Amino acid sequence: MGKWLRILVKIFGALILLLILLFFLATSTIDTSPYFETQYYRNTIENIEEAVKNKTEAKGSLRAGFARINITPKMVSGIPDPKKGQFNTIKMAGYGDGKIATGVHDSLFAKAIAIDVNNESIVLINADLVAIPEDVVINVTEILKGKISRKQLFFGATHTHSSIGNCMPGYVGKSFGGEYQPEVVAWLAQKFSDLILKALADEQPAQFSSGYIKVPHLVRNRIIGESGRLNDKLDLLSFIQENGRRASIGIFSAHATVIGTDNEQYTGDYPGYFQRHLEKNGVDLAMFFAGTVGSHSNKGLGEKFDKAKYIGETLADSAQVALNKMEHSENMDLMAISSEIEIPKLQFLYISNRLRLSPYLGRKLMPKMNPVHVQGLKLNKLVWLALPYELSGEYGLDLKNALELQGYNSVLSSFNGQYLGYIVPQKYYYYDTYEARLMGWYGPSMGDYLMELNFNMANALTQTKL
């Protein structure tokens, strides 16, 4: 009996040591190093300085082209044809592993506005998706090689959580939208490519204006509630072609999560209602970009689709008030900057206030991270930063207010073809919230680091010191 007890004790002791070793290898303490002392920061600053030297600049008359394309998948019971958008099963992305889509409440669209000033072109591309999948952008860039480059394409999403899944590889992609299906990615990439070419082909003389209107009754700070700072601006761009056709873009910070997890139908959520309402009331092409949604949610009257309609149409009515007051000009001063940035090591998956999953294991759960792009655009007195993450509205306020003091309207849009999670102020990093604990992937300094880069980009575009 004593011999077997000693053996069991040794086995038990070995298992404890093994578990301790596995825990040590599987976890990592949070990196609190000052970001401005790191190599990734120095490399990124050099990249941005080089991008500023190589910036695109043009002055002259504006040409603009508009395009839309339906991206609603067709669900078939027979043999599917992905090239025609026909599928047996597709999950919806946004709420965790996704539900199988069983129908369509309202159609999903991708839309684009091509801008040309003195033969320098930029295309603004948006879709009724939870995000713009990186693999779709990579495929689009390859399809359009020799016609237009990645740095000329500014991507964004409405962030509806009832749209197309199966587009993002890795554990995280599967968790939010179901198993990766390359045929879905290929179909979407071809749709996006056709859309971009259609917008470029539609270019004709046009005029441009920008502005904003505040709509605080439709958005709330979802991290800290009424006491939190609020980005309540509906930012607006307006284009009018020589033939009278109008295109308008709205950018707002309220999450498009009115339609919840019980839904099994494709829908554009409140951004869909926003776009349709404008298009029924004098706007030929309406687009919606998710803005600083990293800390903001929606609020409004009603439930489910009634609430989505109320928010979307009220937002559209507010937009019309501002659009009717805008003064347009055909003369354009365009500047564009596109740079690659480096990011800190992954500090993904909360274990304790001091511990996260080790970077090695974190990388196994995340899709391969290609070079990360940030882009900036100036159109007369508008500054637009297209960002590959969900920026907190509280962070966004600081930059937007600084730009407004210099006489600039501004847009900070999310989901520019890649995804780095939620970027919230450092003061919330240890706060028990979804935004910081589950979706804050790169440590407590990530927000301050990225905001410094955003200010650098804005300084270069405006040639000021904000």
Protein backbone atom coordinates (compact mmCIF):
# COMPACT_ATOMS: atom_id res chain seq x y z
CA MET A 1 0.00 0.00 0.00
CA GLY A 2 2.82 2.38 0.88
CA LYS A 3 4.61 1.68 -2.41
CA TRP A 4 1.50 2.47 -4.50
CA LEU A 5 0.81 5.59 -2.44
CA ARG A 6 4.33 6.85 -3.15
CA ILE A 7 3.84 6.16 -6.87
CA LEU A 8 0.51 8.02 -6.88
CA VAL A 9 2.07 10.94 -5.04
CA LYS A 10 4.88 11.12 -7.60
CA ILE A 11 2.41 10.94 -10.50
CA PHE A 12 0.24 13.60 -8.88
CA GLY A 13 3.30 15.78 -8.27
CA ALA A 14 4.44 15.35 -11.89
CA LEU A 15 1.00 16.33 -13.16
CA ILE A 16 1.01 19.45 -10.99
CA LEU A 17 4.46 20.40 -12.30
CA LEU A 18 3.27 19.77 -15.86
CA LEU A 19 0.21 21.96 -15.34
CA ILE A 20 2.37 24.71 -13.86
CA LEU A 21 4.71 24.47 -16.83
CA LEU A 22 1.82 24.54 -19.32
CA PHE A 23 0.31 27.55 -17.54
CA PHE A 24 3.67 29.32 -17.65
CA LEU A 25 4.08 28.61 -21.38
CA ALA A 26 0.45 29.43 -22.22
CA THR A 27 0.30 32.81 -20.47
CA SER A 28 2.16 36.06 -20.57
CA THR A 29 2.17 39.13 -18.34
CA ILE A 30 0.74 42.29 -19.85
CA ASP A 31 3.38 44.41 -21.54
CA THR A 32 3.27 47.91 -20.06
CA SER A 33 6.40 49.20 -21.81
CA PRO A 34 6.05 52.82 -23.01
CA TYR A 35 5.14 52.40 -26.68
CA PHE A 36 7.31 55.36 -27.71
CA GLU A 37 10.41 53.45 -26.57
CA THR A 38 9.69 50.41 -28.75
CA GLN A 39 11.07 49.38 -32.11
CA TYR A 40 7.63 48.92 -33.66
CA TYR A 41 6.88 52.57 -32.86
CA ARG A 42 10.13 53.81 -34.38
CA ASN A 43 9.58 51.72 -37.50
CA THR A 44 6.03 52.99 -37.90
CA ILE A 45 7.02 56.64 -37.52
CA GLU A 46 9.63 56.12 -40.25
CA ASN A 47 6.97 54.51 -42.47
CA ILE A 48 4.57 57.41 -41.99
CA GLU A 49 7.29 59.99 -42.64
CA GLU A 50 8.13 58.17 -45.88
CA ALA A 51 4.43 57.99 -46.82
CA VAL A 52 4.09 61.74 -46.25
CA LYS A 53 7.01 62.37 -48.61
CA ASN A 54 5.26 60.24 -51.24
CA LYS A 55 1.76 61.61 -50.65
CA THR A 56 -0.67 62.12 -53.51
CA GLU A 57 -1.57 65.76 -54.20
CA ALA A 58 -3.84 67.25 -56.83
CA LYS A 59 -5.75 70.47 -57.42
CA GLY A 60 -8.36 71.12 -60.06
CA SER A 61 -11.90 70.31 -61.08
CA LEU A 62 -13.64 67.32 -59.55
CA ARG A 63 -14.90 64.31 -61.44
CA ALA A 64 -16.97 61.74 -59.55
CA GLY A 65 -18.62 58.42 -60.38
CA PHE A 66 -21.26 56.48 -58.46
CA ALA A 67 -22.01 52.74 -58.40
CA ARG A 68 -23.93 50.12 -56.44
CA ILE A 69 -24.14 46.34 -56.62
CA ASN A 70 -26.37 43.84 -54.83
CA ILE A 71 -24.41 41.41 -52.63
CA THR A 72 -27.32 39.49 -51.11
CA PRO A 73 -26.49 35.75 -51.32
CA LYS A 74 -29.05 33.49 -52.96
CA MET A 75 -29.87 30.43 -50.87
CA VAL A 76 -30.56 27.37 -53.06
CA SER A 77 -31.51 23.80 -52.19
CA GLY A 78 -29.92 22.27 -55.28
CA ILE A 79 -26.37 22.50 -56.62
CA PRO A 80 -24.91 25.88 -55.62
CA ASP A 81 -22.97 28.16 -57.97
CA PRO A 82 -20.80 30.47 -55.82
CA LYS A 83 -19.75 32.52 -58.85
CA LYS A 84 -23.40 33.56 -59.17
CA GLY A 85 -23.76 34.11 -55.44
CA GLN A 86 -25.71 30.87 -54.97
CA PHE A 87 -25.00 28.93 -51.78
CA ASN A 88 -26.53 26.07 -49.80
CA THR A 89 -25.58 27.55 -46.43
CA ILE A 90 -24.03 30.80 -45.29
CA LYS A 91 -23.84 31.98 -41.73
CA MET A 92 -24.46 35.54 -40.63
CA ALA A 93 -21.53 37.39 -39.08
CA GLY A 94 -21.37 39.41 -35.92
CA TYR A 95 -22.81 37.67 -32.87
CA GLY A 96 -20.62 34.64 -32.29
CA ASP A 97 -20.35 31.61 -34.60
CA GLY A 98 -23.25 32.99 -36.62
CA LYS A 99 -26.67 31.61 -37.42
CA ILE A 100 -27.52 30.00 -40.72
CA ALA A 101 -29.31 32.61 -42.82
CA THR A 102 -32.79 31.45 -43.74
CA GLY A 103 -34.08 34.48 -45.62
CA VAL A 104 -33.80 38.12 -46.58
CA HIS A 105 -35.51 40.95 -44.74
CA ASP A 106 -33.85 43.62 -46.89
CA SER A 107 -31.17 43.35 -49.55
CA LEU A 108 -27.49 43.93 -48.89
CA PHE A 109 -25.45 46.24 -51.10
CA ALA A 110 -21.91 47.35 -51.79
CA LYS A 111 -21.53 50.91 -53.05
CA ALA A 112 -18.71 53.12 -54.26
CA ILE A 113 -17.88 56.70 -55.15
CA ALA A 114 -14.88 57.29 -57.41
CA ILE A 115 -13.16 60.66 -57.08
CA ASP A 116 -10.78 62.07 -59.69
CA VAL A 117 -8.85 65.34 -59.48
CA ASN A 118 -6.35 66.07 -62.23
CA ASN A 119 -6.02 62.31 -63.01
CA GLU A 120 -5.44 61.35 -59.36
CA SER A 121 -8.12 58.84 -58.33
CA ILE A 122 -9.50 57.67 -54.99
CA VAL A 123 -12.41 55.25 -54.56
CA LEU A 124 -14.55 55.14 -51.41
CA ILE A 125 -16.03 51.63 -51.04
CA ASN A 126 -18.62 50.56 -48.52
CA ALA A 127 -20.75 47.45 -47.95
CA ASP A 128 -23.54 46.16 -45.74
CA LEU A 129 -21.13 43.87 -43.88
CA VAL A 130 -20.00 43.53 -40.27
CA ALA A 131 -16.46 44.28 -41.51
CA ILE A 132 -14.50 44.23 -44.75
CA PRO A 133 -12.65 40.89 -44.79
CA GLU A 134 -8.94 41.20 -45.42
CA ASP A 135 -8.94 38.27 -47.85
CA VAL A 136 -11.57 40.04 -49.95
CA VAL A 137 -9.38 43.15 -50.16
CA ILE A 138 -6.32 41.08 -51.09
CA ASN A 139 -8.27 39.40 -53.90
CA VAL A 140 -9.66 42.74 -55.12
CA THR A 141 -6.16 44.21 -55.23
CA GLU A 142 -4.98 41.26 -57.33
CA ILE A 143 -7.97 41.37 -59.70
CA LEU A 144 -7.52 45.12 -60.30
CA LYS A 145 -3.72 45.09 -60.55
CA GLY A 146 -2.62 47.55 -63.23
CA LYS A 147 -5.94 49.42 -63.04
CA ILE A 148 -5.90 50.81 -59.52
CA SER A 149 -3.74 50.23 -56.45
CA ARG A 150 -4.58 49.34 -52.86
CA LYS A 151 -3.53 52.77 -51.60
CA GLN A 152 -6.24 54.36 -53.78
CA LEU A 153 -9.01 52.26 -52.22
CA PHE A 154 -10.66 53.37 -48.97
CA PHE A 155 -12.84 50.60 -47.52
CA GLY A 156 -15.53 50.70 -44.87
CA ALA A 157 -18.54 48.74 -43.60
CA THR A 158 -21.94 49.59 -42.17
CA HIS A 159 -21.18 47.05 -39.41
CA THR A 160 -24.57 45.35 -39.58
CA HIS A 161 -24.43 42.16 -37.52
CA SER A 162 -26.94 40.41 -39.78
CA SER A 163 -24.86 40.11 -42.91
CA ILE A 164 -22.53 37.67 -44.68
CA GLY A 165 -20.29 35.39 -42.64
CA ASN A 166 -17.82 32.63 -43.56
CA CYS A 167 -15.29 35.22 -44.79
CA MET A 168 -12.59 35.35 -42.10
CA PRO A 169 -10.07 32.56 -41.41
CA GLY A 170 -8.84 31.40 -38.02
CA TYR A 171 -10.49 30.78 -34.69
CA VAL A 172 -11.60 34.38 -34.21
CA GLY A 173 -13.07 34.56 -37.71
CA LYS A 174 -14.98 31.33 -37.14
CA SER A 175 -16.20 32.55 -33.76
CA PHE A 176 -17.80 35.65 -35.25
CA GLY A 177 -18.98 34.38 -38.63
CA GLY A 178 -18.71 30.64 -39.04
CA GLU A 179 -16.28 28.37 -40.88
CA TYR A 180 -14.15 30.06 -43.54
CA GLN A 181 -15.40 29.47 -47.09
CA PRO A 182 -12.97 30.64 -49.81
CA GLU A 183 -15.75 30.55 -52.41
CA VAL A 184 -17.66 33.25 -50.48
CA VAL A 185 -14.50 35.40 -50.41
CA ALA A 186 -13.91 34.91 -54.15
CA TRP A 187 -17.52 35.84 -54.97
CA LEU A 188 -17.41 39.00 -52.83
CA ALA A 189 -14.03 40.01 -54.25
CA GLN A 190 -15.37 39.82 -57.79
CA LYS A 191 -18.43 41.83 -56.77
CA PHE A 192 -16.25 44.51 -55.20
CA SER A 193 -13.96 44.60 -58.24
CA ASP A 194 -16.90 45.03 -60.63
CA LEU A 195 -18.26 47.76 -58.37
CA ILE A 196 -15.01 49.74 -58.37
CA LEU A 197 -14.68 49.57 -62.15
CA LYS A 198 -18.31 50.62 -62.54
CA ALA A 199 -17.76 53.69 -60.33
CA LEU A 200 -14.62 54.66 -62.26
CA ALA A 201 -16.48 54.31 -65.56
CA ASP A 202 -19.24 56.61 -64.30
CA GLU A 203 -16.94 59.57 -63.58
CA GLN A 204 -18.10 62.96 -64.83
CA PRO A 205 -17.78 66.60 -63.72
CA ALA A 206 -19.12 67.04 -60.20
CA GLN A 207 -19.24 69.25 -57.13
CA PHE A 208 -18.47 68.41 -53.49
CA SER A 209 -19.31 69.54 -49.98
CA SER A 210 -19.02 68.22 -46.41
CA GLY A 211 -20.51 68.99 -43.01
CA TYR A 212 -22.13 67.44 -39.96
CA ILE A 213 -25.16 67.56 -37.69
CA LYS A 214 -25.40 66.43 -34.06
CA VAL A 215 -27.91 63.70 -33.20
CA PRO A 216 -27.30 62.86 -29.51
CA HIS A 217 -30.71 61.20 -29.09
CA LEU A 218 -29.66 58.25 -31.32
CA VAL A 219 -26.33 57.23 -29.75
CA ARG A 220 -25.02 56.34 -26.30
CA ASN A 221 -21.70 55.54 -24.65
CA ARG A 222 -22.08 51.81 -24.03
CA ILE A 223 -18.99 51.41 -21.83
CA ILE A 224 -19.78 53.91 -19.08
CA GLY A 225 -23.26 55.22 -19.88
CA GLU A 226 -24.54 58.75 -19.45
CA SER A 227 -21.39 59.99 -17.72
CA GLY A 228 -19.20 59.01 -20.66
CA ARG A 229 -18.09 61.31 -23.46
CA LEU A 230 -20.12 61.02 -26.63
CA ASN A 231 -19.29 61.46 -30.31
CA ASP A 232 -22.78 62.38 -31.49
CA LYS A 233 -21.88 63.86 -34.88
CA LEU A 234 -23.40 62.51 -38.06
CA ASP A 235 -20.64 63.41 -40.54
CA LEU A 236 -21.75 63.97 -44.13
CA LEU A 237 -20.25 64.12 -47.60
CA SER A 238 -22.21 65.23 -50.64
CA PHE A 239 -21.42 64.87 -54.35
CA ILE A 240 -23.51 66.26 -57.22
CA GLN A 241 -22.72 65.19 -60.76
CA GLU A 242 -23.11 67.55 -63.72
CA ASN A 243 -26.25 65.63 -64.77
CA GLY A 244 -27.84 66.32 -61.38
CA ARG A 245 -27.37 62.88 -59.82
CA ARG A 246 -26.58 63.08 -56.12
CA ALA A 247 -24.56 60.84 -53.81
CA SER A 248 -24.37 61.27 -50.05
CA ILE A 249 -22.30 59.54 -47.38
CA GLY A 250 -23.22 59.42 -43.70
CA ILE A 251 -20.75 58.37 -41.00
CA PHE A 252 -22.06 57.69 -37.50
CA SER A 253 -20.76 56.07 -34.31
CA ALA A 254 -23.72 54.00 -33.09
CA HIS A 255 -23.25 50.24 -33.41
CA ALA A 256 -25.58 48.61 -35.95
CA THR A 257 -26.84 46.03 -33.47
CA VAL A 258 -30.52 46.90 -33.25
CA ILE A 259 -31.42 43.54 -34.79
CA GLY A 260 -30.29 40.94 -32.26
CA THR A 261 -29.10 37.36 -32.07
CA ASP A 262 -32.55 35.82 -32.59
CA ASN A 263 -32.67 37.12 -36.18
CA GLU A 264 -32.12 34.69 -39.08
CA GLN A 265 -32.68 37.09 -41.99
CA TYR A 266 -30.18 39.24 -43.83
CA THR A 267 -30.68 42.91 -43.05
CA GLY A 268 -28.73 46.13 -43.20
CA ASP A 269 -30.04 47.03 -39.72
CA TYR A 270 -30.54 50.78 -39.14
CA PRO A 271 -27.88 51.80 -41.74
CA GLY A 272 -30.02 50.03 -44.35
CA TYR A 273 -33.04 52.13 -43.39
CA PHE A 274 -30.85 55.25 -43.43
CA GLN A 275 -29.67 54.59 -46.98
CA ARG A 276 -33.08 53.59 -48.35
CA HIS A 277 -34.79 56.63 -46.79
CA LEU A 278 -32.31 59.03 -48.38
CA GLU A 279 -32.65 57.27 -51.73
CA LYS A 280 -36.43 57.68 -51.58
CA ASN A 281 -36.04 61.40 -50.92
CA GLY A 282 -33.82 62.87 -53.63
CA VAL A 283 -30.46 61.14 -53.13
CA ASP A 284 -29.53 58.78 -55.97
CA LEU A 285 -26.80 56.92 -54.07
CA ALA A 286 -26.67 56.87 -50.25
CA MET A 287 -23.83 55.26 -48.32
CA PHE A 288 -23.22 54.66 -44.63
CA PHE A 289 -19.85 54.09 -42.93
CA ALA A 290 -19.43 52.92 -39.34
CA GLY A 291 -17.53 55.64 -37.51
CA THR A 292 -16.01 55.52 -34.02
CA VAL A 293 -18.09 52.53 -32.94
CA GLY A 294 -15.53 51.19 -30.44
CA SER A 295 -17.48 52.48 -27.45
CA HIS A 296 -20.84 53.66 -28.77
CA SER A 297 -24.18 51.94 -29.25
CA ASN A 298 -27.54 52.98 -30.64
CA LYS A 299 -30.65 54.18 -28.89
CA GLY A 300 -34.15 54.89 -30.15
CA LEU A 301 -37.83 54.07 -29.93
CA GLY A 302 -39.42 50.69 -30.56
CA GLU A 303 -38.08 47.15 -30.79
CA LYS A 304 -36.23 45.16 -33.45
CA PHE A 305 -37.09 46.29 -37.00
CA ASP A 306 -39.34 49.09 -35.79
CA LYS A 307 -36.44 50.50 -33.78
CA ALA A 308 -34.01 50.05 -36.68
CA LYS A 309 -36.42 51.94 -38.93
CA TYR A 310 -36.87 54.72 -36.39
CA ILE A 311 -33.11 55.22 -35.95
CA GLY A 312 -32.26 54.93 -39.64
CA GLU A 313 -35.00 57.21 -40.93
CA THR A 314 -34.57 59.77 -38.14
CA LEU A 315 -30.88 59.85 -38.90
CA ALA A 316 -31.65 60.30 -42.61
CA ASP A 317 -34.05 63.17 -41.88
CA SER A 318 -31.34 64.85 -39.83
CA ALA A 319 -28.90 64.33 -42.69
CA GLN A 320 -31.30 66.05 -45.11
CA VAL A 321 -31.38 69.13 -42.87
CA ALA A 322 -27.59 69.43 -43.09
CA LEU A 323 -27.35 68.46 -46.77
CA ASN A 324 -29.82 71.17 -47.76
CA LYS A 325 -27.55 73.81 -46.21
CA MET A 326 -24.30 72.68 -47.82
CA GLU A 327 -22.52 74.81 -50.39
CA HIS A 328 -20.87 72.76 -53.12
CA SER A 329 -17.79 73.49 -55.21
CA GLU A 330 -16.27 71.92 -58.30
CA ASN A 331 -12.78 73.10 -57.30
CA MET A 332 -10.94 70.44 -55.34
CA ASP A 333 -7.78 70.31 -53.26
CA LEU A 334 -6.99 66.62 -52.77
CA MET A 335 -4.28 65.00 -50.70
CA ALA A 336 -3.95 61.30 -49.83
CA ILE A 337 -1.53 59.34 -47.64
CA SER A 338 -1.25 55.57 -47.28
CA SER A 339 1.15 53.94 -44.84
CA GLU A 340 1.91 50.59 -43.27
CA ILE A 341 2.13 50.44 -39.49
CA GLU A 342 3.63 47.92 -37.09
CA ILE A 343 1.73 46.70 -34.05
CA PRO A 344 2.78 45.34 -30.62
CA LYS A 345 2.70 41.65 -29.77
CA LEU A 346 -0.68 40.07 -29.17
CA GLN A 347 -2.01 40.28 -25.62
CA PHE A 348 -5.19 38.43 -26.41
CA LEU A 349 -7.72 36.64 -24.20
CA TYR A 350 -8.17 37.82 -20.62
CA ILE A 351 -6.94 35.45 -17.89
CA SER A 352 -6.43 37.89 -15.02
CA ASN A 353 -5.66 41.58 -14.63
CA ARG A 354 -1.96 40.76 -15.06
CA LEU A 355 -2.12 37.84 -17.47
CA ARG A 356 -3.20 37.23 -21.04
CA LEU A 357 -2.75 34.27 -23.40
CA SER A 358 0.83 34.02 -24.65
CA PRO A 359 1.51 35.78 -27.99
CA TYR A 360 2.51 32.43 -29.56
CA LEU A 361 -0.84 30.80 -28.76
CA GLY A 362 -2.69 34.01 -29.57
CA ARG A 363 -1.27 33.95 -33.09
CA LYS A 364 -2.60 30.42 -33.53
CA LEU A 365 -6.13 31.66 -32.87
CA MET A 366 -5.93 34.76 -35.06
CA PRO A 367 -5.65 34.87 -38.86
CA LYS A 368 -2.25 35.67 -40.31
CA MET A 369 -1.61 39.39 -39.96
CA ASN A 370 -0.40 40.97 -43.17
CA PRO A 371 1.07 44.50 -43.28
CA VAL A 372 -1.45 46.81 -41.62
CA HIS A 373 -2.65 49.81 -43.64
CA VAL A 374 -3.80 53.20 -42.42
CA GLN A 375 -4.99 55.79 -44.92
CA GLY A 376 -5.73 59.49 -44.85
CA LEU A 377 -7.55 61.70 -47.32
CA LYS A 378 -8.13 65.45 -47.51
CA LEU A 379 -10.85 66.86 -49.76
CA ASN A 380 -10.89 70.64 -49.39
CA LYS A 381 -11.87 71.18 -45.73
CA LEU A 382 -12.61 67.52 -44.99
CA VAL A 383 -10.10 65.12 -43.42
CA TRP A 384 -10.89 61.39 -43.60
CA LEU A 385 -8.89 58.69 -41.80
CA ALA A 386 -9.75 55.11 -42.81
CA LEU A 387 -8.78 52.83 -39.92
CA PRO A 388 -8.49 49.02 -39.61
CA TYR A 389 -10.12 48.79 -36.18
CA GLU A 390 -13.07 49.98 -34.08
CA LEU A 391 -11.95 53.27 -32.57
CA SER A 392 -13.62 54.52 -29.40
CA GLY A 393 -15.83 57.55 -29.85
CA GLU A 394 -14.12 59.07 -26.81
CA TYR A 395 -10.74 58.86 -28.54
CA GLY A 396 -12.25 60.13 -31.77
CA LEU A 397 -13.64 63.24 -30.07
CA ASP A 398 -10.16 64.53 -29.24
CA LEU A 399 -9.01 64.46 -32.85
CA LYS A 400 -12.31 65.65 -34.30
CA ASN A 401 -12.42 68.64 -31.93
CA ALA A 402 -8.82 69.55 -32.70
CA LEU A 403 -9.54 69.47 -36.44
CA GLU A 404 -12.72 71.51 -36.05
CA LEU A 405 -10.75 74.24 -34.26
CA GLN A 406 -8.60 74.45 -37.40
CA GLY A 407 -11.68 74.73 -39.62
CA TYR A 408 -11.88 71.11 -40.81
CA ASN A 409 -14.71 68.62 -40.89
CA SER A 410 -13.53 65.09 -40.20
CA VAL A 411 -14.37 61.44 -40.69
CA LEU A 412 -12.87 58.58 -38.69
CA SER A 413 -14.16 55.36 -40.24
CA SER A 414 -13.61 51.75 -39.17
CA PHE A 415 -13.04 48.41 -40.94
CA ASN A 416 -10.61 49.52 -43.65
CA GLY A 417 -9.95 46.02 -44.95
CA GLN A 418 -8.31 44.62 -41.81
CA TYR A 419 -9.28 44.23 -38.16
CA LEU A 420 -7.31 44.93 -34.97
CA GLY A 421 -10.20 44.75 -32.52
CA TYR A 422 -11.52 47.52 -30.27
CA ILE A 423 -9.37 50.53 -29.49
CA VAL A 424 -10.56 52.14 -26.24
CA PRO A 425 -8.87 54.61 -23.88
CA GLN A 426 -6.26 53.15 -21.55
CA LYS A 427 -8.35 54.12 -18.52
CA TYR A 428 -10.80 51.34 -19.48
CA TYR A 429 -8.22 48.62 -20.10
CA TYR A 430 -8.67 46.96 -16.69
CA TYR A 431 -12.39 47.67 -16.56
CA ASP A 432 -14.57 44.55 -16.80
CA THR A 433 -16.09 45.25 -20.22
CA TYR A 434 -16.46 43.33 -23.47
CA GLU A 435 -14.64 46.11 -25.35
CA ALA A 436 -11.48 45.97 -23.25
CA ARG A 437 -11.29 42.41 -21.95
CA LEU A 438 -12.41 40.36 -24.93
CA MET A 439 -11.73 42.74 -27.82
CA GLY A 440 -8.67 44.66 -26.59
CA TRP A 441 -5.98 42.53 -28.20
CA TYR A 442 -2.74 44.52 -28.00
CA GLY A 443 -2.28 45.80 -24.48
CA PRO A 444 -3.01 49.00 -22.56
CA SER A 445 -0.83 51.30 -24.71
CA MET A 446 -2.42 50.40 -28.05
CA GLY A 447 -4.96 53.22 -28.01
CA ASP A 448 -2.51 56.00 -27.19
CA TYR A 449 -0.10 54.61 -29.79
CA LEU A 450 -2.68 54.57 -32.56
CA MET A 451 -4.04 57.98 -31.63
CA GLU A 452 -0.56 59.48 -31.93
CA LEU A 453 -0.38 58.00 -35.42
CA ASN A 454 -3.83 59.43 -36.23
CA PHE A 455 -2.75 62.89 -35.12
CA ASN A 456 0.44 62.55 -37.20
CA MET A 457 -1.60 61.68 -40.28
CA ALA A 458 -4.01 64.56 -39.67
CA ASN A 459 -1.10 66.98 -39.16
CA ALA A 460 0.41 65.92 -42.48
CA LEU A 461 -2.91 66.26 -44.33
CA THR A 462 -3.68 69.71 -42.91
CA GLN A 463 -0.07 70.90 -42.68
CA THR A 464 -0.75 72.08 -39.14
CA LYS A 465 0.21 71.00 -35.63
CA LEU A 466 -3.00 69.88 -33.95
